[in-house]
Amino acid sequence: QRRLPKRGFKSAQLKYNGEVTLTDLERLGASEVDLLTLKAAGLVREIIKNVKVIKSGELTRKVALKGIGATAGAKAAIEAVGGSIA
């Protein structure tokens, strides 16, 4: 038993989570963004159920997120340009 390597825990739900950066939202060019829009644009895979926006890059356009989460820094950046998160 001592010779066996220790194994950690990896959630099976991780494969359903996705990330999108502020730069991706800038390139997308849509005013309203939801999960179906991101899948249609090819930014996330079809299997993804939960998406979170992370603060990486610049955002200069007003964007309204629907059903998408965001980190604290990304939320501040989106609201600074007049966007909203619902």
C-alpha atoms as a PDB file:
ATOM      1  CA  GLN A   1       0.000   0.000   0.000  1.00  0.00           C
ATOM      2  CA  ARG A   2       2.836   2.421   0.697  1.00  0.00           C
ATOM      3  CA  ARG A   3       4.295   1.953  -2.773  1.00  0.00           C
ATOM      4  CA  LEU A   4       1.157   3.124  -4.538  1.00  0.00           C
ATOM      5  CA  PRO A   5       1.239   6.742  -5.711  1.00  0.00           C
ATOM      6  CA  LYS A   6      -1.101   9.190  -4.041  1.00  0.00           C
ATOM      7  CA  ARG A   7      -3.933  10.352  -6.242  1.00  0.00           C
ATOM      8  CA  GLY A   8      -5.711  13.677  -6.017  1.00  0.00           C
ATOM      9  CA  PHE A   9      -9.305  14.495  -6.766  1.00  0.00           C
ATOM     10  CA  LYS A  10     -10.393  15.949 -10.098  1.00  0.00           C
ATOM     11  CA  SER A  11     -14.044  16.818 -10.507  1.00  0.00           C
ATOM     12  CA  ALA A  12     -15.892  15.274 -13.428  1.00  0.00           C
ATOM     13  CA  GLN A  13     -17.791  18.556 -13.821  1.00  0.00           C
ATOM     14  CA  LEU A  14     -14.675  20.473 -14.935  1.00  0.00           C
ATOM     15  CA  LYS A  15     -15.192  19.479 -18.554  1.00  0.00           C
ATOM     16  CA  TYR A  16     -18.468  21.464 -18.596  1.00  0.00           C
ATOM     17  CA  ASN A  17     -16.846  24.775 -17.555  1.00  0.00           C
ATOM     18  CA  GLY A  18     -15.412  27.281 -20.013  1.00  0.00           C
ATOM     19  CA  GLU A  19     -13.553  30.583 -19.939  1.00  0.00           C
ATOM     20  CA  VAL A  20     -13.762  33.592 -22.221  1.00  0.00           C
ATOM     21  CA  THR A  21     -11.454  36.607 -22.047  1.00  0.00           C
ATOM     22  CA  LEU A  22     -12.297  40.285 -22.485  1.00  0.00           C
ATOM     23  CA  THR A  23     -10.280  40.235 -25.706  1.00  0.00           C
ATOM     24  CA  ASP A  24     -12.555  37.483 -27.060  1.00  0.00           C
ATOM     25  CA  LEU A  25     -15.630  39.598 -26.262  1.00  0.00           C
ATOM     26  CA  GLU A  26     -14.044  42.584 -28.020  1.00  0.00           C
ATOM     27  CA  ARG A  27     -13.381  40.525 -31.166  1.00  0.00           C
ATOM     28  CA  LEU A  28     -16.886  39.003 -31.089  1.00  0.00           C
ATOM     29  CA  GLY A  29     -18.517  42.384 -31.698  1.00  0.00           C
ATOM     30  CA  ALA A  30     -21.970  41.482 -30.336  1.00  0.00           C
ATOM     31  CA  SER A  31     -23.810  43.835 -27.993  1.00  0.00           C
ATOM     32  CA  GLU A  32     -25.615  41.006 -26.180  1.00  0.00           C
ATOM     33  CA  VAL A  33     -23.686  37.837 -25.373  1.00  0.00           C
ATOM     34  CA  ASP A  34     -25.072  34.557 -24.073  1.00  0.00           C
ATOM     35  CA  LEU A  35     -23.989  30.931 -24.145  1.00  0.00           C
ATOM     36  CA  LEU A  36     -25.519  30.221 -27.572  1.00  0.00           C
ATOM     37  CA  THR A  37     -23.725  33.223 -29.092  1.00  0.00           C
ATOM     38  CA  LEU A  38     -20.376  32.008 -27.784  1.00  0.00           C
ATOM     39  CA  LYS A  39     -20.987  28.485 -29.101  1.00  0.00           C
ATOM     40  CA  ALA A  40     -22.006  29.805 -32.522  1.00  0.00           C
ATOM     41  CA  ALA A  41     -18.847  31.933 -32.707  1.00  0.00           C
ATOM     42  CA  GLY A  42     -16.679  28.956 -31.757  1.00  0.00           C
ATOM     43  CA  LEU A  43     -15.272  30.521 -28.582  1.00  0.00           C
ATOM     44  CA  VAL A  44     -16.450  27.613 -26.406  1.00  0.00           C
ATOM     45  CA  ARG A  45     -17.081  23.965 -27.194  1.00  0.00           C
ATOM     46  CA  GLU A  46     -20.575  22.525 -27.618  1.00  0.00           C
ATOM     47  CA  ILE A  47     -20.312  20.488 -24.395  1.00  0.00           C
ATOM     48  CA  ILE A  48     -19.815  23.615 -22.221  1.00  0.00           C
ATOM     49  CA  LYS A  49     -22.633  24.505 -19.798  1.00  0.00           C
ATOM     50  CA  ASN A  50     -21.076  27.225 -17.605  1.00  0.00           C
ATOM     51  CA  VAL A  51     -18.984  30.117 -18.906  1.00  0.00           C
ATOM     52  CA  LYS A  52     -17.030  32.718 -16.955  1.00  0.00           C
ATOM     53  CA  VAL A  53     -15.427  35.869 -18.312  1.00  0.00           C
ATOM     54  CA  ILE A  54     -11.895  36.479 -17.054  1.00  0.00           C
ATOM     55  CA  LYS A  55     -10.005  39.773 -17.095  1.00  0.00           C
ATOM     56  CA  SER A  56      -7.405  39.382 -19.790  1.00  0.00           C
ATOM     57  CA  GLY A  57      -7.064  42.134 -22.342  1.00  0.00           C
ATOM     58  CA  GLU A  58      -8.978  45.334 -23.018  1.00  0.00           C
ATOM     59  CA  LEU A  59     -12.669  45.997 -23.604  1.00  0.00           C
ATOM     60  CA  THR A  60     -13.751  49.237 -25.299  1.00  0.00           C
ATOM     61  CA  ARG A  61     -17.274  48.320 -26.381  1.00  0.00           C
ATOM     62  CA  LYS A  62     -20.484  48.112 -24.354  1.00  0.00           C
ATOM     63  CA  VAL A  63     -21.448  44.466 -23.805  1.00  0.00           C
ATOM     64  CA  ALA A  64     -24.455  42.945 -22.017  1.00  0.00           C
ATOM     65  CA  LEU A  65     -23.862  39.444 -20.620  1.00  0.00           C
ATOM     66  CA  LYS A  66     -26.843  37.150 -20.121  1.00  0.00           C
ATOM     67  CA  GLY A  67     -26.430  33.982 -18.074  1.00  0.00           C
ATOM     68  CA  ILE A  68     -22.652  34.270 -18.010  1.00  0.00           C
ATOM     69  CA  GLY A  69     -20.521  34.787 -14.918  1.00  0.00           C
ATOM     70  CA  ALA A  70     -17.528  37.061 -14.577  1.00  0.00           C
ATOM     71  CA  THR A  71     -14.611  37.503 -12.222  1.00  0.00           C
ATOM     72  CA  ALA A  72     -14.469  40.627 -10.068  1.00  0.00           C
ATOM     73  CA  GLY A  73     -11.887  42.295 -12.313  1.00  0.00           C
ATOM     74  CA  ALA A  74     -13.798  41.450 -15.490  1.00  0.00           C
ATOM     75  CA  LYS A  75     -17.044  42.706 -13.964  1.00  0.00           C
ATOM     76  CA  ALA A  76     -15.403  46.031 -13.102  1.00  0.00           C
ATOM     77  CA  ALA A  77     -13.967  46.351 -16.626  1.00  0.00           C
ATOM     78  CA  ILE A  78     -17.334  45.591 -18.262  1.00  0.00           C
ATOM     79  CA  GLU A  79     -19.228  48.056 -16.083  1.00  0.00           C
ATOM     80  CA  ALA A  80     -16.526  50.727 -16.642  1.00  0.00           C
ATOM     81  CA  VAL A  81     -17.383  50.855 -20.363  1.00  0.00           C
ATOM     82  CA  GLY A  82     -21.141  50.868 -19.698  1.00  0.00           C
ATOM     83  CA  GLY A  83     -21.868  47.149 -20.000  1.00  0.00           C
ATOM     84  CA  SER A  84     -24.035  45.006 -17.757  1.00  0.00           C
ATOM     85  CA  ILE A  85     -24.080  41.496 -16.321  1.00  0.00           C
ATOM     86  CA  ALA A  86     -27.387  39.706 -15.815  1.00  0.00           C
END
